[in-house]
Amino acid sequence: MLRDRYARRRLFTFMVLVLLSVGMIAVSDTGPVTELRNGVRFAITPVQDTLGEATNSVTSVVDAISEVDTLRRENEQLSEEVQRLDDQLAVMESMREESKRLTKLLGTQRSFTGDGIETLAAGVTSRQFTQSERLITLDQGTETGIREDAPVFSEGGALLGRVTDAGEGWADVMLISDPNSLVAGWVRRTKATGEVIGRLSAPLAMTDIPRTEKLSENDRVVTYGINLGGGFRSVYPKGIPIGRVVDIIDEPEQVVKTALIVPEADLENVEYVLVQTNFKAPKRSNETASE
């Protein structure tokens, strides 16, 4: 009996669903249902649009953030590339300047050879600039023929000083700006002579110039290359540029005057030098007398 009752209930339910389906099909295109559908669609359209705009906005923000991050990375890469190129340019510029200096040094060396002066190129390894001295140390020494008192020239051929001591792999040079330096100077234009002494960072002083000599600013001073008196002969060849006159000290009560000279060579920043290797060491008067 229970089975029959359950079967009838299922049949009834099925018939009700069929009738509802047929009814919904019948009224789906009727005015009220259509209006209801349109009303619902009208009501939810702004929501759909808002949601769509919000979605687009979120998407745009995400895209913008992603683009900014990409641009940042690209900018970092470009900055690194610019720095790398700057470093390469600095190295190339340094190499170019180095090449110019060495080319100039080689040209000067060839010109000296034409004048019968044999030289050896050397680099400066250290500087000793104090309140009482001006010395530089070279990377060449006795093993290459450098000897004490050998004249030393700049890469442009101007006078730098002379070797005061040397050993294997090194040589000390006293610059003409050292207070202990003494060079016989000669003014090219007037043939006036005097003793050029060092004054550290101040201009050189050419002293003991006869007051009758006419000097002018920018007069060029070169090495005289003759006997300095007292039994000593100059170690420097004749005609090597020393510098130019920038001032003249002429006291009326004095029989001599002094010319201040700016060195031709850059004494403070010299990096390469030429050392004369075929010079004749000066002889003292007692040595000459004993021969």
C-alpha atoms as a PDB file:
ATOM      1  CA  MET A   1       0.000   0.000   0.000  1.00  0.00           C
ATOM      2  CA  LEU A   2       2.855   2.372   0.829  1.00  0.00           C
ATOM      3  CA  ARG A   3       4.412   1.711  -2.548  1.00  0.00           C
ATOM      4  CA  ASP A   4       1.188   2.697  -4.381  1.00  0.00           C
ATOM      5  CA  ARG A   5       0.907   5.885  -2.339  1.00  0.00           C
ATOM      6  CA  TYR A   6       4.519   6.840  -3.106  1.00  0.00           C
ATOM      7  CA  ALA A   7       4.025   6.141  -6.821  1.00  0.00           C
ATOM      8  CA  ARG A   8       0.925   8.298  -6.976  1.00  0.00           C
ATOM      9  CA  ARG A   9       2.775  11.171  -5.213  1.00  0.00           C
ATOM     10  CA  ARG A  10       5.597  11.061  -7.721  1.00  0.00           C
ATOM     11  CA  LEU A  11       3.155  11.045 -10.638  1.00  0.00           C
ATOM     12  CA  PHE A  12       1.344  14.041  -9.208  1.00  0.00           C
ATOM     13  CA  THR A  13       4.544  15.977  -8.765  1.00  0.00           C
ATOM     14  CA  PHE A  14       5.601  15.203 -12.302  1.00  0.00           C
ATOM     15  CA  MET A  15       2.275  16.422 -13.732  1.00  0.00           C
ATOM     16  CA  VAL A  16       2.542  19.689 -11.734  1.00  0.00           C
ATOM     17  CA  LEU A  17       6.037  20.364 -13.121  1.00  0.00           C
ATOM     18  CA  VAL A  18       4.892  19.688 -16.652  1.00  0.00           C
ATOM     19  CA  LEU A  19       1.964  22.072 -16.278  1.00  0.00           C
ATOM     20  CA  LEU A  20       4.231  24.803 -14.804  1.00  0.00           C
ATOM     21  CA  SER A  21       6.674  24.414 -17.679  1.00  0.00           C
ATOM     22  CA  VAL A  22       3.914  24.662 -20.247  1.00  0.00           C
ATOM     23  CA  GLY A  23       2.524  27.700 -18.454  1.00  0.00           C
ATOM     24  CA  MET A  24       5.863  29.466 -18.336  1.00  0.00           C
ATOM     25  CA  ILE A  25       6.378  28.768 -22.008  1.00  0.00           C
ATOM     26  CA  ALA A  26       2.954  30.166 -22.726  1.00  0.00           C
ATOM     27  CA  VAL A  27       3.468  33.418 -20.796  1.00  0.00           C
ATOM     28  CA  SER A  28       7.212  33.998 -21.496  1.00  0.00           C
ATOM     29  CA  ASP A  29       6.484  36.374 -24.303  1.00  0.00           C
ATOM     30  CA  THR A  30       3.581  38.147 -22.678  1.00  0.00           C
ATOM     31  CA  GLY A  31       3.725  41.812 -21.864  1.00  0.00           C
ATOM     32  CA  PRO A  32       4.008  41.615 -18.086  1.00  0.00           C
ATOM     33  CA  VAL A  33       6.804  39.106 -18.152  1.00  0.00           C
ATOM     34  CA  THR A  34       8.628  41.057 -20.844  1.00  0.00           C
ATOM     35  CA  GLU A  35       8.241  44.274 -18.894  1.00  0.00           C
ATOM     36  CA  LEU A  36       9.467  42.532 -15.758  1.00  0.00           C
ATOM     37  CA  ARG A  37      12.463  41.200 -17.625  1.00  0.00           C
ATOM     38  CA  ASN A  38      13.213  44.659 -19.084  1.00  0.00           C
ATOM     39  CA  GLY A  39      12.822  46.249 -15.682  1.00  0.00           C
ATOM     40  CA  VAL A  40      15.239  43.896 -14.109  1.00  0.00           C
ATOM     41  CA  ARG A  41      17.660  44.429 -16.981  1.00  0.00           C
ATOM     42  CA  PHE A  42      17.314  48.234 -16.638  1.00  0.00           C
ATOM     43  CA  ALA A  43      17.915  48.000 -12.921  1.00  0.00           C
ATOM     44  CA  ILE A  44      21.041  45.913 -13.130  1.00  0.00           C
ATOM     45  CA  THR A  45      22.608  47.619 -16.220  1.00  0.00           C
ATOM     46  CA  PRO A  46      24.175  50.531 -14.234  1.00  0.00           C
ATOM     47  CA  VAL A  47      25.548  48.007 -11.817  1.00  0.00           C
ATOM     48  CA  GLN A  48      27.019  46.041 -14.685  1.00  0.00           C
ATOM     49  CA  ASP A  49      28.475  49.211 -16.229  1.00  0.00           C
ATOM     50  CA  THR A  50      29.941  50.326 -12.898  1.00  0.00           C
ATOM     51  CA  LEU A  51      31.414  46.930 -12.312  1.00  0.00           C
ATOM     52  CA  GLY A  52      32.836  46.980 -15.858  1.00  0.00           C
ATOM     53  CA  GLU A  53      34.336  50.443 -15.363  1.00  0.00           C
ATOM     54  CA  ALA A  54      35.753  49.420 -11.999  1.00  0.00           C
ATOM     55  CA  THR A  55      37.254  46.356 -13.566  1.00  0.00           C
ATOM     56  CA  ASN A  56      38.753  48.454 -16.365  1.00  0.00           C
ATOM     57  CA  SER A  57      40.096  50.988 -13.838  1.00  0.00           C
ATOM     58  CA  VAL A  58      41.692  48.272 -11.759  1.00  0.00           C
ATOM     59  CA  THR A  59      43.162  46.775 -14.888  1.00  0.00           C
ATOM     60  CA  SER A  60      44.517  50.212 -15.944  1.00  0.00           C
ATOM     61  CA  VAL A  61      46.086  50.805 -12.540  1.00  0.00           C
ATOM     62  CA  VAL A  62      47.694  47.396 -12.579  1.00  0.00           C
ATOM     63  CA  ASP A  63      48.972  48.029 -16.123  1.00  0.00           C
ATOM     64  CA  ALA A  64      50.301  51.474 -15.110  1.00  0.00           C
ATOM     65  CA  ILE A  65      52.111  50.053 -12.088  1.00  0.00           C
ATOM     66  CA  SER A  66      53.580  47.328 -14.245  1.00  0.00           C
ATOM     67  CA  GLU A  67      54.672  49.932 -16.846  1.00  0.00           C
ATOM     68  CA  VAL A  68      56.258  52.158 -14.176  1.00  0.00           C
ATOM     69  CA  ASP A  69      58.184  49.199 -12.808  1.00  0.00           C
ATOM     70  CA  THR A  70      59.328  48.309 -16.316  1.00  0.00           C
ATOM     71  CA  LEU A  71      60.422  51.905 -16.953  1.00  0.00           C
ATOM     72  CA  ARG A  72      62.276  51.963 -13.630  1.00  0.00           C
ATOM     73  CA  ARG A  73      64.195  48.822 -14.521  1.00  0.00           C
ATOM     74  CA  GLU A  74      64.959  50.182 -17.972  1.00  0.00           C
ATOM     75  CA  ASN A  75      66.130  53.463 -16.432  1.00  0.00           C
ATOM     76  CA  GLU A  76      68.415  51.587 -14.046  1.00  0.00           C
ATOM     77  CA  GLN A  77      69.822  49.606 -16.948  1.00  0.00           C
ATOM     78  CA  LEU A  78      70.354  52.791 -18.958  1.00  0.00           C
ATOM     79  CA  SER A  79      72.035  54.485 -15.985  1.00  0.00           C
ATOM     80  CA  GLU A  80      74.373  51.529 -15.585  1.00  0.00           C
ATOM     81  CA  GLU A  81      75.132  51.623 -19.305  1.00  0.00           C
ATOM     82  CA  VAL A  82      75.813  55.375 -19.189  1.00  0.00           C
ATOM     83  CA  GLN A  83      78.151  54.881 -16.206  1.00  0.00           C
ATOM     84  CA  ARG A  84      79.938  52.087 -18.017  1.00  0.00           C
ATOM     85  CA  LEU A  85      80.367  54.264 -21.109  1.00  0.00           C
ATOM     86  CA  ASP A  86      81.577  57.169 -18.951  1.00  0.00           C
ATOM     87  CA  ASP A  87      84.168  54.895 -17.353  1.00  0.00           C
ATOM     88  CA  GLN A  88      85.300  53.686 -20.757  1.00  0.00           C
ATOM     89  CA  LEU A  89      85.480  57.273 -22.008  1.00  0.00           C
ATOM     90  CA  ALA A  90      87.577  58.288 -18.991  1.00  0.00           C
ATOM     91  CA  VAL A  91      89.961  55.389 -19.621  1.00  0.00           C
ATOM     92  CA  MET A  92      90.194  56.259 -23.312  1.00  0.00           C
ATOM     93  CA  GLU A  93      90.806  59.921 -22.485  1.00  0.00           C
ATOM     94  CA  SER A  94      93.534  58.942 -20.028  1.00  0.00           C
ATOM     95  CA  MET A  95      95.100  56.666 -22.643  1.00  0.00           C
ATOM     96  CA  ARG A  96      94.882  59.452 -25.221  1.00  0.00           C
ATOM     97  CA  GLU A  97      96.635  61.915 -22.906  1.00  0.00           C
ATOM     98  CA  GLU A  98      99.222  59.266 -22.056  1.00  0.00           C
ATOM     99  CA  SER A  99      99.817  58.656 -25.758  1.00  0.00           C
ATOM    100  CA  LYS A 100     100.209  62.403 -26.381  1.00  0.00           C
ATOM    101  CA  ARG A 101     102.774  62.713 -23.592  1.00  0.00           C
ATOM    102  CA  LEU A 102     104.764  59.709 -24.797  1.00  0.00           C
ATOM    103  CA  THR A 103     104.634  60.939 -28.397  1.00  0.00           C
ATOM    104  CA  LYS A 104     105.904  64.333 -27.268  1.00  0.00           C
ATOM    105  CA  LEU A 105     108.611  62.655 -25.204  1.00  0.00           C
ATOM    106  CA  LEU A 106     109.735  60.587 -28.190  1.00  0.00           C
ATOM    107  CA  GLY A 107     109.828  63.677 -30.412  1.00  0.00           C
ATOM    108  CA  THR A 108     111.941  65.546 -27.849  1.00  0.00           C
ATOM    109  CA  GLN A 109     114.271  62.580 -27.520  1.00  0.00           C
ATOM    110  CA  ARG A 110     114.790  62.551 -31.295  1.00  0.00           C
ATOM    111  CA  SER A 111     115.503  66.285 -31.364  1.00  0.00           C
ATOM    112  CA  PHE A 112     118.089  65.852 -28.586  1.00  0.00           C
ATOM    113  CA  THR A 113     119.726  63.065 -30.565  1.00  0.00           C
ATOM    114  CA  GLY A 114     120.076  65.477 -33.470  1.00  0.00           C
ATOM    115  CA  ASP A 115     121.952  67.838 -31.151  1.00  0.00           C
ATOM    116  CA  GLY A 116     124.267  65.077 -29.987  1.00  0.00           C
ATOM    117  CA  ILE A 117     122.511  64.583 -26.638  1.00  0.00           C
ATOM    118  CA  GLU A 118     121.650  60.966 -25.838  1.00  0.00           C
ATOM    119  CA  THR A 119     118.792  60.489 -23.397  1.00  0.00           C
ATOM    120  CA  LEU A 120     116.864  57.776 -21.607  1.00  0.00           C
ATOM    121  CA  ALA A 121     113.136  58.021 -20.865  1.00  0.00           C
ATOM    122  CA  ALA A 122     112.017  57.401 -17.280  1.00  0.00           C
ATOM    123  CA  GLY A 123     108.847  57.712 -15.247  1.00  0.00           C
ATOM    124  CA  VAL A 124     108.351  59.541 -11.974  1.00  0.00           C
ATOM    125  CA  THR A 125     107.484  57.209  -9.100  1.00  0.00           C
ATOM    126  CA  SER A 126     107.386  59.667  -6.185  1.00  0.00           C
ATOM    127  CA  ARG A 127     107.715  63.327  -5.226  1.00  0.00           C
ATOM    128  CA  GLN A 128     109.292  64.858  -2.128  1.00  0.00           C
ATOM    129  CA  PHE A 129     107.996  68.404  -1.959  1.00  0.00           C
ATOM    130  CA  THR A 130     108.667  69.912   1.468  1.00  0.00           C
ATOM    131  CA  GLN A 131     109.419  73.345   2.933  1.00  0.00           C
ATOM    132  CA  SER A 132     113.093  72.827   2.177  1.00  0.00           C
ATOM    133  CA  GLU A 133     113.419  70.624  -0.921  1.00  0.00           C
ATOM    134  CA  ARG A 134     112.019  69.665  -4.291  1.00  0.00           C
ATOM    135  CA  LEU A 135     112.972  66.106  -5.247  1.00  0.00           C
ATOM    136  CA  ILE A 136     111.491  63.435  -7.504  1.00  0.00           C
ATOM    137  CA  THR A 137     112.369  59.742  -7.827  1.00  0.00           C
ATOM    138  CA  LEU A 138     112.566  57.913 -11.166  1.00  0.00           C
ATOM    139  CA  ASP A 139     111.875  54.284 -12.070  1.00  0.00           C
ATOM    140  CA  GLN A 140     115.238  53.876 -13.856  1.00  0.00           C
ATOM    141  CA  GLY A 141     118.667  53.733 -12.299  1.00  0.00           C
ATOM    142  CA  THR A 142     122.278  52.695 -12.628  1.00  0.00           C
ATOM    143  CA  GLU A 143     121.374  49.529 -14.540  1.00  0.00           C
ATOM    144  CA  THR A 144     120.294  51.722 -17.485  1.00  0.00           C
ATOM    145  CA  GLY A 145     123.310  54.034 -17.390  1.00  0.00           C
ATOM    146  CA  ILE A 146     121.937  56.822 -15.171  1.00  0.00           C
ATOM    147  CA  ARG A 147     124.686  58.489 -13.160  1.00  0.00           C
ATOM    148  CA  GLU A 148     124.954  61.175 -10.528  1.00  0.00           C
ATOM    149  CA  ASP A 149     124.834  64.766 -11.886  1.00  0.00           C
ATOM    150  CA  ALA A 150     123.148  63.653 -15.123  1.00  0.00           C
ATOM    151  CA  PRO A 151     120.932  66.478 -16.485  1.00  0.00           C
ATOM    152  CA  VAL A 152     117.210  65.767 -16.537  1.00  0.00           C
ATOM    153  CA  PHE A 153     114.738  67.298 -18.997  1.00  0.00           C
ATOM    154  CA  SER A 154     110.953  67.490 -19.262  1.00  0.00           C
ATOM    155  CA  GLU A 155     108.938  65.753 -21.969  1.00  0.00           C
ATOM    156  CA  GLY A 156     108.980  69.057 -23.883  1.00  0.00           C
ATOM    157  CA  GLY A 157     112.749  69.485 -23.585  1.00  0.00           C
ATOM    158  CA  ALA A 158     112.896  72.088 -20.796  1.00  0.00           C
ATOM    159  CA  LEU A 159     115.310  71.804 -17.900  1.00  0.00           C
ATOM    160  CA  LEU A 160     114.034  69.947 -14.825  1.00  0.00           C
ATOM    161  CA  GLY A 161     117.149  69.425 -12.748  1.00  0.00           C
ATOM    162  CA  ARG A 162     119.899  66.869 -12.231  1.00  0.00           C
ATOM    163  CA  VAL A 163     120.386  63.434 -10.701  1.00  0.00           C
ATOM    164  CA  THR A 164     121.693  63.639  -7.134  1.00  0.00           C
ATOM    165  CA  ASP A 165     121.765  59.931  -6.312  1.00  0.00           C
ATOM    166  CA  ALA A 166     121.034  56.662  -8.110  1.00  0.00           C
ATOM    167  CA  GLY A 167     120.881  52.935  -7.539  1.00  0.00           C
ATOM    168  CA  GLU A 168     119.521  49.881  -9.295  1.00  0.00           C
ATOM    169  CA  GLY A 169     115.977  50.659 -10.427  1.00  0.00           C
ATOM    170  CA  TRP A 170     115.823  54.202  -9.047  1.00  0.00           C
ATOM    171  CA  ALA A 171     117.317  57.672  -9.261  1.00  0.00           C
ATOM    172  CA  ASP A 172     116.706  60.844  -7.247  1.00  0.00           C
ATOM    173  CA  VAL A 173     116.471  64.151  -9.098  1.00  0.00           C
ATOM    174  CA  MET A 174     116.807  67.610  -7.556  1.00  0.00           C
ATOM    175  CA  LEU A 175     114.531  69.987  -9.438  1.00  0.00           C
ATOM    176  CA  ILE A 176     115.648  73.488 -10.394  1.00  0.00           C
ATOM    177  CA  SER A 177     113.025  74.799  -7.938  1.00  0.00           C
ATOM    178  CA  ASP A 178     114.995  73.293  -5.029  1.00  0.00           C
ATOM    179  CA  PRO A 179     116.802  75.990  -2.968  1.00  0.00           C
ATOM    180  CA  ASN A 180     120.067  74.049  -3.405  1.00  0.00           C
ATOM    181  CA  SER A 181     119.817  74.140  -7.195  1.00  0.00           C
ATOM    182  CA  LEU A 182     122.154  76.462  -9.103  1.00  0.00           C
ATOM    183  CA  VAL A 183     122.118  76.881 -12.880  1.00  0.00           C
ATOM    184  CA  ALA A 184     124.042  79.325 -15.050  1.00  0.00           C
ATOM    185  CA  GLY A 185     121.352  81.174 -17.008  1.00  0.00           C
ATOM    186  CA  TRP A 186     121.523  83.136 -20.224  1.00  0.00           C
ATOM    187  CA  VAL A 187     118.909  85.554 -21.596  1.00  0.00           C
ATOM    188  CA  ARG A 188     118.582  84.771 -25.289  1.00  0.00           C
ATOM    189  CA  ARG A 189     117.587  88.264 -26.442  1.00  0.00           C
ATOM    190  CA  THR A 190     120.178  90.318 -24.560  1.00  0.00           C
ATOM    191  CA  LYS A 191     122.869  87.696 -23.852  1.00  0.00           C
ATOM    192  CA  ALA A 192     122.728  88.703 -20.174  1.00  0.00           C
ATOM    193  CA  THR A 193     123.924  86.042 -17.753  1.00  0.00           C
ATOM    194  CA  GLY A 194     123.206  85.232 -14.135  1.00  0.00           C
ATOM    195  CA  GLU A 195     122.773  82.441 -11.614  1.00  0.00           C
ATOM    196  CA  VAL A 196     119.341  80.792 -11.523  1.00  0.00           C
ATOM    197  CA  ILE A 197     118.413  79.512  -8.074  1.00  0.00           C
ATOM    198  CA  GLY A 198     115.334  77.636  -6.852  1.00  0.00           C
ATOM    199  CA  ARG A 199     112.727  79.142  -4.536  1.00  0.00           C
ATOM    200  CA  LEU A 200     110.357  76.181  -3.975  1.00  0.00           C
ATOM    201  CA  SER A 201     106.877  77.130  -5.237  1.00  0.00           C
ATOM    202  CA  ALA A 202     107.859  80.742  -5.968  1.00  0.00           C
ATOM    203  CA  PRO A 203     109.330  81.777  -9.342  1.00  0.00           C
ATOM    204  CA  LEU A 204     113.011  81.043  -9.894  1.00  0.00           C
ATOM    205  CA  ALA A 205     115.403  83.909  -9.261  1.00  0.00           C
ATOM    206  CA  MET A 206     118.109  84.802 -11.768  1.00  0.00           C
ATOM    207  CA  THR A 207     120.569  86.792  -9.689  1.00  0.00           C
ATOM    208  CA  ASP A 208     123.794  88.742 -10.252  1.00  0.00           C
ATOM    209  CA  ILE A 209     122.649  90.221 -13.566  1.00  0.00           C
ATOM    210  CA  PRO A 210     124.656  93.369 -14.329  1.00  0.00           C
ATOM    211  CA  ARG A 211     122.434  96.407 -13.776  1.00  0.00           C
ATOM    212  CA  THR A 212     123.373  97.753 -17.183  1.00  0.00           C
ATOM    213  CA  GLU A 213     121.662  94.823 -18.911  1.00  0.00           C
ATOM    214  CA  LYS A 214     118.278  95.636 -20.445  1.00  0.00           C
ATOM    215  CA  LEU A 215     115.700  93.007 -19.553  1.00  0.00           C
ATOM    216  CA  SER A 216     111.998  92.778 -20.332  1.00  0.00           C
ATOM    217  CA  GLU A 217     109.147  90.588 -19.211  1.00  0.00           C
ATOM    218  CA  ASN A 218     108.725  87.424 -21.307  1.00  0.00           C
ATOM    219  CA  ASP A 219     112.447  87.297 -22.111  1.00  0.00           C
ATOM    220  CA  ARG A 220     113.449  83.649 -22.509  1.00  0.00           C
ATOM    221  CA  VAL A 221     116.148  82.237 -20.268  1.00  0.00           C
ATOM    222  CA  VAL A 222     118.177  79.149 -21.226  1.00  0.00           C
ATOM    223  CA  THR A 223     121.161  77.289 -19.788  1.00  0.00           C
ATOM    224  CA  TYR A 224     124.515  78.961 -20.342  1.00  0.00           C
ATOM    225  CA  GLY A 225     126.474  75.736 -20.174  1.00  0.00           C
ATOM    226  CA  ILE A 226     129.846  77.202 -19.194  1.00  0.00           C
ATOM    227  CA  ASN A 227     132.095  77.461 -16.142  1.00  0.00           C
ATOM    228  CA  LEU A 228     130.232  78.605 -13.054  1.00  0.00           C
ATOM    229  CA  GLY A 229     133.421  79.731 -11.333  1.00  0.00           C
ATOM    230  CA  GLY A 230     135.088  78.209  -8.304  1.00  0.00           C
ATOM    231  CA  GLY A 231     136.530  75.391 -10.366  1.00  0.00           C
ATOM    232  CA  PHE A 232     133.153  73.887 -11.402  1.00  0.00           C
ATOM    233  CA  ARG A 233     131.766  73.476 -14.874  1.00  0.00           C
ATOM    234  CA  SER A 234     128.047  73.321 -15.539  1.00  0.00           C
ATOM    235  CA  VAL A 235     126.635  69.839 -16.041  1.00  0.00           C
ATOM    236  CA  TYR A 236     123.889  71.205 -18.292  1.00  0.00           C
ATOM    237  CA  PRO A 237     124.202  71.475 -22.069  1.00  0.00           C
ATOM    238  CA  LYS A 238     124.017  74.978 -23.507  1.00  0.00           C
ATOM    239  CA  GLY A 239     120.692  76.372 -24.742  1.00  0.00           C
ATOM    240  CA  ILE A 240     118.234  74.199 -22.746  1.00  0.00           C
ATOM    241  CA  PRO A 241     115.070  76.221 -21.947  1.00  0.00           C
ATOM    242  CA  ILE A 242     114.703  77.231 -18.294  1.00  0.00           C
ATOM    243  CA  GLY A 243     111.788  79.671 -18.310  1.00  0.00           C
ATOM    244  CA  ARG A 244     110.642  83.227 -19.016  1.00  0.00           C
ATOM    245  CA  VAL A 245     111.032  86.467 -17.112  1.00  0.00           C
ATOM    246  CA  VAL A 246     107.894  87.625 -15.285  1.00  0.00           C
ATOM    247  CA  ASP A 247     109.339  90.399 -13.106  1.00  0.00           C
ATOM    248  CA  ILE A 248     112.551  92.375 -12.623  1.00  0.00           C
ATOM    249  CA  ILE A 249     113.892  93.578  -9.267  1.00  0.00           C
ATOM    250  CA  ASP A 250     116.141  96.563  -9.900  1.00  0.00           C
ATOM    251  CA  GLU A 251     117.343  98.495  -6.833  1.00  0.00           C
ATOM    252  CA  PRO A 252     119.044 101.837  -7.671  1.00  0.00           C
ATOM    253  CA  GLU A 253     121.747 101.374  -5.029  1.00  0.00           C
ATOM    254  CA  GLN A 254     122.693  97.897  -6.324  1.00  0.00           C
ATOM    255  CA  VAL A 255     125.130  97.161  -9.151  1.00  0.00           C
ATOM    256  CA  VAL A 256     123.251  93.977 -10.060  1.00  0.00           C
ATOM    257  CA  LYS A 257     119.581  93.109 -10.462  1.00  0.00           C
ATOM    258  CA  THR A 258     117.406  90.033 -10.233  1.00  0.00           C
ATOM    259  CA  ALA A 259     114.920  88.583 -12.702  1.00  0.00           C
ATOM    260  CA  LEU A 260     112.069  86.348 -11.527  1.00  0.00           C
ATOM    261  CA  ILE A 261     111.468  83.428 -13.855  1.00  0.00           C
ATOM    262  CA  VAL A 262     108.540  81.066 -14.333  1.00  0.00           C
ATOM    263  CA  PRO A 263     109.908  77.606 -15.270  1.00  0.00           C
ATOM    264  CA  GLU A 264     109.203  76.306 -18.740  1.00  0.00           C
ATOM    265  CA  ALA A 265     108.533  72.805 -17.368  1.00  0.00           C
ATOM    266  CA  ASP A 266     105.616  71.873 -15.109  1.00  0.00           C
ATOM    267  CA  LEU A 267     107.793  71.020 -12.125  1.00  0.00           C
ATOM    268  CA  GLU A 268     104.930  70.217  -9.806  1.00  0.00           C
ATOM    269  CA  ASN A 269     103.197  67.649 -12.044  1.00  0.00           C
ATOM    270  CA  VAL A 270     105.948  66.068 -14.163  1.00  0.00           C
ATOM    271  CA  GLU A 271     105.305  62.379 -14.922  1.00  0.00           C
ATOM    272  CA  TYR A 272     107.920  61.480 -17.537  1.00  0.00           C
ATOM    273  CA  VAL A 273     111.467  62.745 -17.968  1.00  0.00           C
ATOM    274  CA  LEU A 274     114.499  62.380 -20.201  1.00  0.00           C
ATOM    275  CA  VAL A 275     117.858  61.750 -18.520  1.00  0.00           C
ATOM    276  CA  GLN A 276     121.038  62.557 -20.415  1.00  0.00           C
ATOM    277  CA  THR A 277     123.263  59.482 -20.541  1.00  0.00           C
ATOM    278  CA  ASN A 278     126.275  60.804 -22.498  1.00  0.00           C
ATOM    279  CA  PHE A 279     127.045  63.854 -20.361  1.00  0.00           C
ATOM    280  CA  LYS A 280     130.535  64.592 -19.101  1.00  0.00           C
ATOM    281  CA  ALA A 281     130.721  64.767 -15.343  1.00  0.00           C
ATOM    282  CA  PRO A 282     132.078  68.117 -14.127  1.00  0.00           C
ATOM    283  CA  LYS A 283     135.574  68.169 -12.691  1.00  0.00           C
ATOM    284  CA  ARG A 284     136.717  70.126  -9.683  1.00  0.00           C
ATOM    285  CA  SER A 285     139.729  72.395  -9.943  1.00  0.00           C
ATOM    286  CA  ASN A 286     141.912  70.124  -7.785  1.00  0.00           C
ATOM    287  CA  GLU A 287     141.106  67.186 -10.075  1.00  0.00           C
ATOM    288  CA  THR A 288     142.092  69.266 -13.098  1.00  0.00           C
ATOM    289  CA  ALA A 289     145.334  70.306 -11.482  1.00  0.00           C
ATOM    290  CA  SER A 290     146.310  66.745 -10.681  1.00  0.00           C
ATOM    291  CA  GLU A 291     145.942  65.550 -14.255  1.00  0.00           C
END
